[in-house]
């Protein structure tokens, strides 16, 4: 059985009930397995993901990789407890040289990928698509607050691998992440092809901090003979990792399987509490006024160079919206 309540530190005891069988897309479902000191979030994405990816008609491998980045961003960004942004960005030497996902709390998503179609090959893994470079995760709390940024080196591994490395080095919270993206093909009337995605983040957060201790980072170039520090993992965290390790990609993206039923499958023996779902939506923050202000930030000569056929055309990389301006509207002076 599952119980449901608001996600607060002193949440009242919630009623126990059967898991809902109704699948809900474009949401993040926070949950807790108190018996194992586990907290987590489950993302299910449908129309919002499809809207972002189909605006650019990405090749399937690129769409899948960007979808994984979007899922990871929702799992991390929805933990923000303030009005702000969570930005995930990669810069690498692989076929997909640039990814950016911008999450504005509490629910707005936009994303974009830059790739070289000539380098794409059938069967490439997400690590091969990314190549070597870095992953940056930035928390922007607003104009009057400092930014926080964490960097993870990418060496041909997946985004799941990078997330695990980030939490090990930056947050030092025992964490496991699962990401899945797939294409749904349907018959009958309506759209034949749709993107779907799902993901789960699981963290071990015991009250006694020593229970969450992890082994030291690899000593690297330490002198020969230095003993690598080993810490036995807590039994509760061993069980939690084992359970999330059984989750299959098809379960994360299955449109007929509700998030609550999936959590029940995993944790019913220990008992799982779900909290209020957090909705997600695809919405770009661009506007004609914002683009006009951006144009005026350029030097006069640069603005003049943008004029083609007596107009300035700007296309938003995120949502592909096209904005047209006369030279006067773009701030181009006559005779420049």
C-alpha atoms as a PDB file:
ATOM      1  CA  UNK A   1       0.000   0.000   0.000  1.00  0.00           C
ATOM      2  CA  UNK A   2       1.015   3.634  -0.374  1.00  0.00           C
ATOM      3  CA  UNK A   3       0.302   6.692   1.719  1.00  0.00           C
ATOM      4  CA  UNK A   4       0.071  10.255   0.473  1.00  0.00           C
ATOM      5  CA  UNK A   5       0.701  13.606   2.117  1.00  0.00           C
ATOM      6  CA  UNK A   6       2.166  17.041   1.511  1.00  0.00           C
ATOM      7  CA  UNK A   7       5.970  17.141   1.396  1.00  0.00           C
ATOM      8  CA  UNK A   8       6.817  18.820   4.685  1.00  0.00           C
ATOM      9  CA  UNK A   9       9.166  17.941   7.522  1.00  0.00           C
ATOM     10  CA  UNK A  10       6.317  17.512   9.978  1.00  0.00           C
ATOM     11  CA  UNK A  11       3.751  16.048   7.615  1.00  0.00           C
ATOM     12  CA  UNK A  12       0.811  14.464   9.458  1.00  0.00           C
ATOM     13  CA  UNK A  13       0.325  10.739   9.285  1.00  0.00           C
ATOM     14  CA  UNK A  14      -1.224  10.100   5.869  1.00  0.00           C
ATOM     15  CA  UNK A  15      -4.021   7.642   5.110  1.00  0.00           C
ATOM     16  CA  UNK A  16      -2.974   4.325   3.641  1.00  0.00           C
ATOM     17  CA  UNK A  17      -4.590   3.489   0.305  1.00  0.00           C
ATOM     18  CA  UNK A  18      -4.116   1.459  -2.836  1.00  0.00           C
ATOM     19  CA  UNK A  19      -1.794   3.004  -5.484  1.00  0.00           C
ATOM     20  CA  UNK A  20      -3.596   4.991  -8.149  1.00  0.00           C
ATOM     21  CA  UNK A  21      -3.876   3.163 -11.469  1.00  0.00           C
ATOM     22  CA  UNK A  22      -4.252   6.408 -13.439  1.00  0.00           C
ATOM     23  CA  UNK A  23      -1.036   7.363 -15.313  1.00  0.00           C
ATOM     24  CA  UNK A  24      -0.214  11.071 -15.198  1.00  0.00           C
ATOM     25  CA  UNK A  25       2.326  12.521 -17.613  1.00  0.00           C
ATOM     26  CA  UNK A  26       4.463  15.648 -17.250  1.00  0.00           C
ATOM     27  CA  UNK A  27       4.832  15.394 -13.497  1.00  0.00           C
ATOM     28  CA  UNK A  28       7.447  14.719 -10.866  1.00  0.00           C
ATOM     29  CA  UNK A  29       6.231  12.543  -7.992  1.00  0.00           C
ATOM     30  CA  UNK A  30       8.259  12.897  -4.765  1.00  0.00           C
ATOM     31  CA  UNK A  31       8.279   9.845  -2.496  1.00  0.00           C
ATOM     32  CA  UNK A  32       9.747   8.440   0.703  1.00  0.00           C
ATOM     33  CA  UNK A  33      10.586   4.970   1.971  1.00  0.00           C
ATOM     34  CA  UNK A  34      10.965   5.776   5.659  1.00  0.00           C
ATOM     35  CA  UNK A  35      11.888   2.230   6.686  1.00  0.00           C
ATOM     36  CA  UNK A  36      15.068   2.505   4.591  1.00  0.00           C
ATOM     37  CA  UNK A  37      15.716   6.251   5.060  1.00  0.00           C
ATOM     38  CA  UNK A  38      15.208   6.765   1.327  1.00  0.00           C
ATOM     39  CA  UNK A  39      13.855   9.838  -0.437  1.00  0.00           C
ATOM     40  CA  UNK A  40      13.347  10.196  -4.153  1.00  0.00           C
ATOM     41  CA  UNK A  41      11.532  11.606  -7.144  1.00  0.00           C
ATOM     42  CA  UNK A  42       9.931   9.909 -10.126  1.00  0.00           C
ATOM     43  CA  UNK A  43       9.545  11.787 -13.419  1.00  0.00           C
ATOM     44  CA  UNK A  44       7.102  10.835 -16.194  1.00  0.00           C
ATOM     45  CA  UNK A  45       7.194  12.951 -19.369  1.00  0.00           C
ATOM     46  CA  UNK A  46       4.905  12.804 -22.395  1.00  0.00           C
ATOM     47  CA  UNK A  47       3.444  15.824 -24.248  1.00  0.00           C
ATOM     48  CA  UNK A  48       5.923  18.308 -22.740  1.00  0.00           C
ATOM     49  CA  UNK A  49       8.905  16.259 -23.903  1.00  0.00           C
ATOM     50  CA  UNK A  50       7.343  15.660 -27.308  1.00  0.00           C
ATOM     51  CA  UNK A  51       6.717  19.390 -27.725  1.00  0.00           C
ATOM     52  CA  UNK A  52      10.365  20.257 -26.999  1.00  0.00           C
ATOM     53  CA  UNK A  53      11.909  17.576 -29.217  1.00  0.00           C
ATOM     54  CA  UNK A  54       9.588  17.816 -32.230  1.00  0.00           C
ATOM     55  CA  UNK A  55      10.163  21.573 -32.595  1.00  0.00           C
ATOM     56  CA  UNK A  56      13.628  20.721 -33.934  1.00  0.00           C
ATOM     57  CA  UNK A  57      13.014  17.344 -35.584  1.00  0.00           C
ATOM     58  CA  UNK A  58      16.175  15.930 -34.025  1.00  0.00           C
ATOM     59  CA  UNK A  59      17.613  12.642 -35.313  1.00  0.00           C
ATOM     60  CA  UNK A  60      16.472   9.864 -32.978  1.00  0.00           C
ATOM     61  CA  UNK A  61      19.825   9.424 -31.150  1.00  0.00           C
ATOM     62  CA  UNK A  62      20.097  13.174 -30.508  1.00  0.00           C
ATOM     63  CA  UNK A  63      16.474  13.384 -29.354  1.00  0.00           C
ATOM     64  CA  UNK A  64      17.019  10.475 -26.976  1.00  0.00           C
ATOM     65  CA  UNK A  65      20.140  12.058 -25.474  1.00  0.00           C
ATOM     66  CA  UNK A  66      18.491  15.453 -25.045  1.00  0.00           C
ATOM     67  CA  UNK A  67      15.485  13.679 -23.537  1.00  0.00           C
ATOM     68  CA  UNK A  68      17.761  12.060 -20.945  1.00  0.00           C
ATOM     69  CA  UNK A  69      19.183  15.491 -20.100  1.00  0.00           C
ATOM     70  CA  UNK A  70      15.649  16.870 -19.706  1.00  0.00           C
ATOM     71  CA  UNK A  71      14.663  14.027 -17.367  1.00  0.00           C
ATOM     72  CA  UNK A  72      17.783  14.510 -15.254  1.00  0.00           C
ATOM     73  CA  UNK A  73      17.097  18.238 -15.059  1.00  0.00           C
ATOM     74  CA  UNK A  74      13.539  17.673 -13.823  1.00  0.00           C
ATOM     75  CA  UNK A  75      14.755  15.265 -11.136  1.00  0.00           C
ATOM     76  CA  UNK A  76      17.258  17.820  -9.859  1.00  0.00           C
ATOM     77  CA  UNK A  77      15.537  21.117 -10.622  1.00  0.00           C
ATOM     78  CA  UNK A  78      12.259  20.300  -8.891  1.00  0.00           C
ATOM     79  CA  UNK A  79      14.145  20.068  -5.597  1.00  0.00           C
ATOM     80  CA  UNK A  80      14.543  23.871  -5.601  1.00  0.00           C
ATOM     81  CA  UNK A  81      12.605  25.449  -2.741  1.00  0.00           C
ATOM     82  CA  UNK A  82      12.745  28.981  -4.163  1.00  0.00           C
ATOM     83  CA  UNK A  83      11.983  30.880  -7.358  1.00  0.00           C
ATOM     84  CA  UNK A  84      15.025  30.317  -9.525  1.00  0.00           C
ATOM     85  CA  UNK A  85      16.566  28.363 -12.367  1.00  0.00           C
ATOM     86  CA  UNK A  86      18.383  25.085 -12.661  1.00  0.00           C
ATOM     87  CA  UNK A  87      20.481  24.868 -15.836  1.00  0.00           C
ATOM     88  CA  UNK A  88      22.150  21.693 -17.080  1.00  0.00           C
ATOM     89  CA  UNK A  89      24.707  22.182 -19.832  1.00  0.00           C
ATOM     90  CA  UNK A  90      27.323  20.057 -21.604  1.00  0.00           C
ATOM     91  CA  UNK A  91      30.225  21.103 -23.848  1.00  0.00           C
ATOM     92  CA  UNK A  92      32.057  18.202 -25.421  1.00  0.00           C
ATOM     93  CA  UNK A  93      34.018  17.052 -28.461  1.00  0.00           C
ATOM     94  CA  UNK A  94      31.473  14.413 -29.506  1.00  0.00           C
ATOM     95  CA  UNK A  95      28.835  14.447 -32.256  1.00  0.00           C
ATOM     96  CA  UNK A  96      26.484  16.227 -29.831  1.00  0.00           C
ATOM     97  CA  UNK A  97      28.798  19.053 -28.846  1.00  0.00           C
ATOM     98  CA  UNK A  98      26.356  21.127 -26.819  1.00  0.00           C
ATOM     99  CA  UNK A  99      23.275  20.407 -24.707  1.00  0.00           C
ATOM    100  CA  UNK A 100      21.376  22.839 -22.528  1.00  0.00           C
ATOM    101  CA  UNK A 101      18.248  22.328 -20.446  1.00  0.00           C
ATOM    102  CA  UNK A 102      16.786  25.325 -18.634  1.00  0.00           C
ATOM    103  CA  UNK A 103      14.323  24.650 -15.803  1.00  0.00           C
ATOM    104  CA  UNK A 104      12.610  27.657 -14.237  1.00  0.00           C
ATOM    105  CA  UNK A 105      10.882  26.798 -10.992  1.00  0.00           C
ATOM    106  CA  UNK A 106       8.318  25.675 -10.297  1.00  0.00           C
ATOM    107  CA  UNK A 107       7.484  23.992 -13.609  1.00  0.00           C
ATOM    108  CA  UNK A 108       8.844  25.523 -16.870  1.00  0.00           C
ATOM    109  CA  UNK A 109      11.161  23.577 -19.184  1.00  0.00           C
ATOM    110  CA  UNK A 110      13.028  24.398 -22.360  1.00  0.00           C
ATOM    111  CA  UNK A 111      15.983  22.639 -24.015  1.00  0.00           C
ATOM    112  CA  UNK A 112      18.236  22.655 -27.060  1.00  0.00           C
ATOM    113  CA  UNK A 113      20.968  20.462 -28.596  1.00  0.00           C
ATOM    114  CA  UNK A 114      23.701  21.285 -31.125  1.00  0.00           C
ATOM    115  CA  UNK A 115      25.097  18.386 -33.146  1.00  0.00           C
ATOM    116  CA  UNK A 116      27.126  17.469 -36.233  1.00  0.00           C
ATOM    117  CA  UNK A 117      25.023  15.149 -38.402  1.00  0.00           C
ATOM    118  CA  UNK A 118      28.148  13.960 -40.249  1.00  0.00           C
ATOM    119  CA  UNK A 119      29.503  12.397 -37.063  1.00  0.00           C
ATOM    120  CA  UNK A 120      26.327  10.505 -36.179  1.00  0.00           C
ATOM    121  CA  UNK A 121      26.575   6.741 -36.589  1.00  0.00           C
ATOM    122  CA  UNK A 122      24.049   4.016 -35.994  1.00  0.00           C
ATOM    123  CA  UNK A 123      24.263   2.337 -32.606  1.00  0.00           C
ATOM    124  CA  UNK A 124      26.206   5.082 -30.808  1.00  0.00           C
ATOM    125  CA  UNK A 125      25.721   5.103 -27.045  1.00  0.00           C
ATOM    126  CA  UNK A 126      24.940   8.302 -25.155  1.00  0.00           C
ATOM    127  CA  UNK A 127      28.553   8.367 -23.961  1.00  0.00           C
ATOM    128  CA  UNK A 128      29.828   8.116 -27.535  1.00  0.00           C
ATOM    129  CA  UNK A 129      27.474  10.903 -28.628  1.00  0.00           C
ATOM    130  CA  UNK A 130      28.767  13.166 -25.882  1.00  0.00           C
ATOM    131  CA  UNK A 131      32.450  12.323 -26.088  1.00  0.00           C
ATOM    132  CA  UNK A 132      34.846  14.127 -23.749  1.00  0.00           C
ATOM    133  CA  UNK A 133      34.238  17.473 -22.119  1.00  0.00           C
ATOM    134  CA  UNK A 134      32.305  18.627 -19.091  1.00  0.00           C
ATOM    135  CA  UNK A 135      28.824  18.780 -17.615  1.00  0.00           C
ATOM    136  CA  UNK A 136      27.842  21.922 -15.698  1.00  0.00           C
ATOM    137  CA  UNK A 137      24.879  22.189 -13.353  1.00  0.00           C
ATOM    138  CA  UNK A 138      24.031  25.740 -12.338  1.00  0.00           C
ATOM    139  CA  UNK A 139      21.587  26.984  -9.703  1.00  0.00           C
ATOM    140  CA  UNK A 140      20.600  30.605 -10.337  1.00  0.00           C
ATOM    141  CA  UNK A 141      18.772  32.167  -7.376  1.00  0.00           C
ATOM    142  CA  UNK A 142      18.150  35.510  -9.069  1.00  0.00           C
ATOM    143  CA  UNK A 143      19.868  38.781  -9.918  1.00  0.00           C
ATOM    144  CA  UNK A 144      20.780  39.719  -6.329  1.00  0.00           C
ATOM    145  CA  UNK A 145      22.002  36.270  -5.293  1.00  0.00           C
ATOM    146  CA  UNK A 146      25.189  34.365  -6.072  1.00  0.00           C
ATOM    147  CA  UNK A 147      25.134  31.431  -8.464  1.00  0.00           C
ATOM    148  CA  UNK A 148      26.163  27.925  -7.518  1.00  0.00           C
ATOM    149  CA  UNK A 149      27.770  25.731 -10.165  1.00  0.00           C
ATOM    150  CA  UNK A 150      29.001  22.156 -10.082  1.00  0.00           C
ATOM    151  CA  UNK A 151      31.233  20.722 -12.825  1.00  0.00           C
ATOM    152  CA  UNK A 152      31.717  17.086 -13.780  1.00  0.00           C
ATOM    153  CA  UNK A 153      34.261  15.860 -16.321  1.00  0.00           C
ATOM    154  CA  UNK A 154      32.842  13.678 -19.101  1.00  0.00           C
ATOM    155  CA  UNK A 155      35.047  10.875 -20.387  1.00  0.00           C
ATOM    156  CA  UNK A 156      32.709   9.018 -22.712  1.00  0.00           C
ATOM    157  CA  UNK A 157      30.246   7.920 -20.022  1.00  0.00           C
ATOM    158  CA  UNK A 158      26.484   8.375 -19.849  1.00  0.00           C
ATOM    159  CA  UNK A 159      24.510  11.147 -18.149  1.00  0.00           C
ATOM    160  CA  UNK A 160      23.597   8.657 -15.418  1.00  0.00           C
ATOM    161  CA  UNK A 161      27.309   8.126 -14.780  1.00  0.00           C
ATOM    162  CA  UNK A 162      27.876  11.882 -14.682  1.00  0.00           C
ATOM    163  CA  UNK A 163      25.043  12.382 -12.193  1.00  0.00           C
ATOM    164  CA  UNK A 164      26.499   9.728  -9.880  1.00  0.00           C
ATOM    165  CA  UNK A 165      29.921  11.387 -10.107  1.00  0.00           C
ATOM    166  CA  UNK A 166      28.380  14.787  -9.334  1.00  0.00           C
ATOM    167  CA  UNK A 167      26.669  13.588  -6.173  1.00  0.00           C
ATOM    168  CA  UNK A 168      29.751  11.684  -5.031  1.00  0.00           C
ATOM    169  CA  UNK A 169      32.078  14.670  -5.421  1.00  0.00           C
ATOM    170  CA  UNK A 170      29.848  17.707  -4.842  1.00  0.00           C
ATOM    171  CA  UNK A 171      26.918  16.721  -2.663  1.00  0.00           C
ATOM    172  CA  UNK A 172      28.378  13.642  -0.951  1.00  0.00           C
ATOM    173  CA  UNK A 173      24.891  12.142  -0.718  1.00  0.00           C
ATOM    174  CA  UNK A 174      24.528   8.462  -1.647  1.00  0.00           C
ATOM    175  CA  UNK A 175      22.456   8.735  -4.832  1.00  0.00           C
ATOM    176  CA  UNK A 176      21.325   6.569  -7.728  1.00  0.00           C
ATOM    177  CA  UNK A 177      19.670   7.815 -10.918  1.00  0.00           C
ATOM    178  CA  UNK A 178      17.800   5.995 -13.688  1.00  0.00           C
ATOM    179  CA  UNK A 179      16.938   7.673 -17.005  1.00  0.00           C
ATOM    180  CA  UNK A 180      14.922   6.288 -19.919  1.00  0.00           C
ATOM    181  CA  UNK A 181      13.692   7.827 -23.189  1.00  0.00           C
ATOM    182  CA  UNK A 182      11.754   6.102 -25.947  1.00  0.00           C
ATOM    183  CA  UNK A 183       9.701   6.660 -29.076  1.00  0.00           C
ATOM    184  CA  UNK A 184       6.056   5.620 -29.119  1.00  0.00           C
ATOM    185  CA  UNK A 185       4.531   4.651 -32.466  1.00  0.00           C
ATOM    186  CA  UNK A 186       0.740   4.506 -32.641  1.00  0.00           C
ATOM    187  CA  UNK A 187      -1.806   3.426 -35.200  1.00  0.00           C
ATOM    188  CA  UNK A 188      -5.204   4.952 -35.959  1.00  0.00           C
ATOM    189  CA  UNK A 189      -6.000   8.654 -36.075  1.00  0.00           C
ATOM    190  CA  UNK A 190      -3.831  11.343 -34.533  1.00  0.00           C
ATOM    191  CA  UNK A 191      -0.051  11.614 -34.252  1.00  0.00           C
ATOM    192  CA  UNK A 192       1.796   8.439 -35.235  1.00  0.00           C
ATOM    193  CA  UNK A 193       4.976   9.208 -33.351  1.00  0.00           C
ATOM    194  CA  UNK A 194       5.487  10.600 -29.846  1.00  0.00           C
ATOM    195  CA  UNK A 195       8.422  10.890 -27.455  1.00  0.00           C
ATOM    196  CA  UNK A 196       8.150   9.581 -23.910  1.00  0.00           C
ATOM    197  CA  UNK A 197      10.567   9.574 -21.001  1.00  0.00           C
ATOM    198  CA  UNK A 198      10.867   8.684 -17.358  1.00  0.00           C
ATOM    199  CA  UNK A 199      13.424   8.757 -14.614  1.00  0.00           C
ATOM    200  CA  UNK A 200      13.978   8.087 -10.950  1.00  0.00           C
ATOM    201  CA  UNK A 201      16.318   9.584  -8.387  1.00  0.00           C
ATOM    202  CA  UNK A 202      16.898   7.756  -5.097  1.00  0.00           C
ATOM    203  CA  UNK A 203      18.892   9.135  -2.163  1.00  0.00           C
ATOM    204  CA  UNK A 204      19.932   7.722   1.197  1.00  0.00           C
ATOM    205  CA  UNK A 205      19.297  10.342   3.899  1.00  0.00           C
ATOM    206  CA  UNK A 206      19.580   8.754   7.347  1.00  0.00           C
ATOM    207  CA  UNK A 207      19.300  10.871  10.497  1.00  0.00           C
ATOM    208  CA  UNK A 208      22.707   9.631  11.649  1.00  0.00           C
ATOM    209  CA  UNK A 209      25.169  11.135   9.109  1.00  0.00           C
ATOM    210  CA  UNK A 210      27.813   8.481   9.732  1.00  0.00           C
ATOM    211  CA  UNK A 211      25.471   5.900   8.156  1.00  0.00           C
ATOM    212  CA  UNK A 212      25.736   7.758   4.841  1.00  0.00           C
ATOM    213  CA  UNK A 213      29.530   7.744   4.750  1.00  0.00           C
ATOM    214  CA  UNK A 214      31.044   6.706   1.441  1.00  0.00           C
ATOM    215  CA  UNK A 215      34.496   5.574   0.430  1.00  0.00           C
ATOM    216  CA  UNK A 216      37.076   8.275  -0.206  1.00  0.00           C
ATOM    217  CA  UNK A 217      37.652   9.354  -3.784  1.00  0.00           C
ATOM    218  CA  UNK A 218      40.296   7.438  -5.709  1.00  0.00           C
ATOM    219  CA  UNK A 219      43.762   8.606  -4.538  1.00  0.00           C
ATOM    220  CA  UNK A 220      44.880   9.216  -8.132  1.00  0.00           C
ATOM    221  CA  UNK A 221      48.660   9.732  -8.205  1.00  0.00           C
ATOM    222  CA  UNK A 222      49.217   8.775  -4.569  1.00  0.00           C
ATOM    223  CA  UNK A 223      52.481   6.895  -3.873  1.00  0.00           C
ATOM    224  CA  UNK A 224      52.471   3.155  -4.445  1.00  0.00           C
ATOM    225  CA  UNK A 225      51.344   1.212  -1.414  1.00  0.00           C
ATOM    226  CA  UNK A 226      48.801   3.771  -0.163  1.00  0.00           C
ATOM    227  CA  UNK A 227      45.772   1.844   1.051  1.00  0.00           C
ATOM    228  CA  UNK A 228      42.504   2.963  -0.523  1.00  0.00           C
ATOM    229  CA  UNK A 229      39.961   3.739   2.192  1.00  0.00           C
ATOM    230  CA  UNK A 230      36.987   1.383   2.080  1.00  0.00           C
ATOM    231  CA  UNK A 231      33.705   2.018   3.897  1.00  0.00           C
ATOM    232  CA  UNK A 232      31.071  -0.686   4.131  1.00  0.00           C
ATOM    233  CA  UNK A 233      27.741   0.586   2.779  1.00  0.00           C
ATOM    234  CA  UNK A 234      24.773   0.667   5.118  1.00  0.00           C
ATOM    235  CA  UNK A 235      22.429  -2.302   4.658  1.00  0.00           C
ATOM    236  CA  UNK A 236      19.463   0.006   4.003  1.00  0.00           C
ATOM    237  CA  UNK A 237      21.322   1.735   1.156  1.00  0.00           C
ATOM    238  CA  UNK A 238      22.464  -1.600  -0.259  1.00  0.00           C
ATOM    239  CA  UNK A 239      18.808  -2.642  -0.388  1.00  0.00           C
ATOM    240  CA  UNK A 240      17.748   0.657  -1.932  1.00  0.00           C
ATOM    241  CA  UNK A 241      20.344   0.378  -4.698  1.00  0.00           C
ATOM    242  CA  UNK A 242      19.293  -3.195  -5.349  1.00  0.00           C
ATOM    243  CA  UNK A 243      15.652  -2.161  -5.724  1.00  0.00           C
ATOM    244  CA  UNK A 244      16.231   0.774  -8.083  1.00  0.00           C
ATOM    245  CA  UNK A 245      18.578  -1.464 -10.060  1.00  0.00           C
ATOM    246  CA  UNK A 246      15.617  -3.678 -10.982  1.00  0.00           C
ATOM    247  CA  UNK A 247      13.744  -0.830 -12.717  1.00  0.00           C
ATOM    248  CA  UNK A 248      13.566  -1.425 -16.466  1.00  0.00           C
ATOM    249  CA  UNK A 249      13.437   1.310 -19.106  1.00  0.00           C
ATOM    250  CA  UNK A 250      10.044   0.132 -20.315  1.00  0.00           C
ATOM    251  CA  UNK A 251       8.593   0.589 -16.813  1.00  0.00           C
ATOM    252  CA  UNK A 252       9.791   4.185 -16.661  1.00  0.00           C
ATOM    253  CA  UNK A 253       8.189   5.135 -19.986  1.00  0.00           C
ATOM    254  CA  UNK A 254       5.162   2.790 -20.087  1.00  0.00           C
ATOM    255  CA  UNK A 255       2.104   5.048 -20.771  1.00  0.00           C
ATOM    256  CA  UNK A 256      -0.226   2.520 -19.142  1.00  0.00           C
ATOM    257  CA  UNK A 257       1.714   2.161 -15.869  1.00  0.00           C
ATOM    258  CA  UNK A 258       1.070   4.847 -13.271  1.00  0.00           C
ATOM    259  CA  UNK A 259       3.919   6.277 -11.250  1.00  0.00           C
ATOM    260  CA  UNK A 260       2.294   5.176  -8.005  1.00  0.00           C
ATOM    261  CA  UNK A 261       2.011   1.587  -9.218  1.00  0.00           C
ATOM    262  CA  UNK A 262       5.647   1.565 -10.267  1.00  0.00           C
ATOM    263  CA  UNK A 263       6.705   2.788  -6.820  1.00  0.00           C
ATOM    264  CA  UNK A 264       4.471   0.174  -5.216  1.00  0.00           C
ATOM    265  CA  UNK A 265       6.109  -2.559  -7.291  1.00  0.00           C
ATOM    266  CA  UNK A 266       9.495  -1.498  -5.987  1.00  0.00           C
ATOM    267  CA  UNK A 267       8.893  -0.628  -2.366  1.00  0.00           C
ATOM    268  CA  UNK A 268       5.608  -2.204  -1.201  1.00  0.00           C
ATOM    269  CA  UNK A 269       7.358  -4.561   1.206  1.00  0.00           C
ATOM    270  CA  UNK A 270       8.899  -1.610   3.036  1.00  0.00           C
ATOM    271  CA  UNK A 271       6.044   0.843   2.562  1.00  0.00           C
ATOM    272  CA  UNK A 272       6.224   3.948   0.381  1.00  0.00           C
ATOM    273  CA  UNK A 273       4.720   7.387   0.905  1.00  0.00           C
ATOM    274  CA  UNK A 274       4.036   9.664  -2.055  1.00  0.00           C
ATOM    275  CA  UNK A 275       3.753  13.428  -1.846  1.00  0.00           C
ATOM    276  CA  UNK A 276       1.920  16.003  -3.935  1.00  0.00           C
ATOM    277  CA  UNK A 277       2.906  15.646  -7.629  1.00  0.00           C
ATOM    278  CA  UNK A 278       4.681  18.611  -9.217  1.00  0.00           C
ATOM    279  CA  UNK A 279       3.436  19.426 -12.757  1.00  0.00           C
ATOM    280  CA  UNK A 280       5.829  20.228 -15.598  1.00  0.00           C
ATOM    281  CA  UNK A 281       5.300  22.121 -18.853  1.00  0.00           C
ATOM    282  CA  UNK A 282       7.275  23.048 -21.926  1.00  0.00           C
ATOM    283  CA  UNK A 283       7.427  26.821 -22.205  1.00  0.00           C
ATOM    284  CA  UNK A 284      10.140  29.027 -23.607  1.00  0.00           C
ATOM    285  CA  UNK A 285      10.889  32.358 -21.956  1.00  0.00           C
ATOM    286  CA  UNK A 286      11.605  34.188 -25.212  1.00  0.00           C
ATOM    287  CA  UNK A 287       9.428  37.120 -26.319  1.00  0.00           C
ATOM    288  CA  UNK A 288       9.551  39.906 -28.872  1.00  0.00           C
ATOM    289  CA  UNK A 289      10.428  42.449 -26.175  1.00  0.00           C
ATOM    290  CA  UNK A 290      13.226  40.238 -24.792  1.00  0.00           C
ATOM    291  CA  UNK A 291      14.710  39.720 -28.258  1.00  0.00           C
ATOM    292  CA  UNK A 292      14.493  43.456 -28.992  1.00  0.00           C
ATOM    293  CA  UNK A 293      16.347  44.207 -25.758  1.00  0.00           C
ATOM    294  CA  UNK A 294      18.976  41.611 -26.680  1.00  0.00           C
ATOM    295  CA  UNK A 295      19.510  43.224 -30.088  1.00  0.00           C
ATOM    296  CA  UNK A 296      20.056  46.637 -28.521  1.00  0.00           C
ATOM    297  CA  UNK A 297      22.828  45.176 -26.365  1.00  0.00           C
ATOM    298  CA  UNK A 298      24.968  44.616 -29.486  1.00  0.00           C
ATOM    299  CA  UNK A 299      27.345  47.228 -30.869  1.00  0.00           C
ATOM    300  CA  UNK A 300      25.831  49.408 -33.662  1.00  0.00           C
ATOM    301  CA  UNK A 301      28.071  47.830 -36.322  1.00  0.00           C
ATOM    302  CA  UNK A 302      27.050  44.311 -35.265  1.00  0.00           C
ATOM    303  CA  UNK A 303      23.378  45.276 -35.491  1.00  0.00           C
ATOM    304  CA  UNK A 304      23.924  46.714 -38.940  1.00  0.00           C
ATOM    305  CA  UNK A 305      25.577  43.458 -40.078  1.00  0.00           C
ATOM    306  CA  UNK A 306      22.416  41.577 -39.075  1.00  0.00           C
ATOM    307  CA  UNK A 307      20.265  43.393 -41.641  1.00  0.00           C
ATOM    308  CA  UNK A 308      19.352  41.139 -44.577  1.00  0.00           C
ATOM    309  CA  UNK A 309      16.748  42.077 -47.184  1.00  0.00           C
ATOM    310  CA  UNK A 310      15.940  45.205 -45.179  1.00  0.00           C
ATOM    311  CA  UNK A 311      15.029  43.314 -42.006  1.00  0.00           C
ATOM    312  CA  UNK A 312      16.578  41.616 -38.978  1.00  0.00           C
ATOM    313  CA  UNK A 313      15.420  38.057 -38.349  1.00  0.00           C
ATOM    314  CA  UNK A 314      16.125  36.261 -35.065  1.00  0.00           C
ATOM    315  CA  UNK A 315      15.224  32.613 -34.436  1.00  0.00           C
ATOM    316  CA  UNK A 316      15.044  31.306 -30.871  1.00  0.00           C
ATOM    317  CA  UNK A 317      17.307  28.255 -30.547  1.00  0.00           C
ATOM    318  CA  UNK A 318      15.081  26.769 -27.858  1.00  0.00           C
ATOM    319  CA  UNK A 319      11.611  26.910 -29.382  1.00  0.00           C
ATOM    320  CA  UNK A 320      12.314  27.883 -33.036  1.00  0.00           C
ATOM    321  CA  UNK A 321      10.092  30.978 -32.790  1.00  0.00           C
ATOM    322  CA  UNK A 322      11.009  33.556 -35.467  1.00  0.00           C
ATOM    323  CA  UNK A 323      11.044  37.294 -34.709  1.00  0.00           C
ATOM    324  CA  UNK A 324      11.331  39.877 -37.504  1.00  0.00           C
ATOM    325  CA  UNK A 325      12.318  43.527 -36.990  1.00  0.00           C
ATOM    326  CA  UNK A 326      12.747  46.501 -39.251  1.00  0.00           C
ATOM    327  CA  UNK A 327      16.215  48.069 -39.069  1.00  0.00           C
ATOM    328  CA  UNK A 328      14.711  50.949 -37.075  1.00  0.00           C
ATOM    329  CA  UNK A 329      13.073  48.548 -34.576  1.00  0.00           C
ATOM    330  CA  UNK A 330      16.413  46.747 -34.174  1.00  0.00           C
ATOM    331  CA  UNK A 331      18.158  50.027 -33.381  1.00  0.00           C
ATOM    332  CA  UNK A 332      20.111  50.236 -36.644  1.00  0.00           C
ATOM    333  CA  UNK A 333      20.915  53.863 -37.425  1.00  0.00           C
ATOM    334  CA  UNK A 334      20.624  55.107 -40.982  1.00  0.00           C
ATOM    335  CA  UNK A 335      23.906  55.135 -42.829  1.00  0.00           C
ATOM    336  CA  UNK A 336      25.545  52.628 -40.460  1.00  0.00           C
END
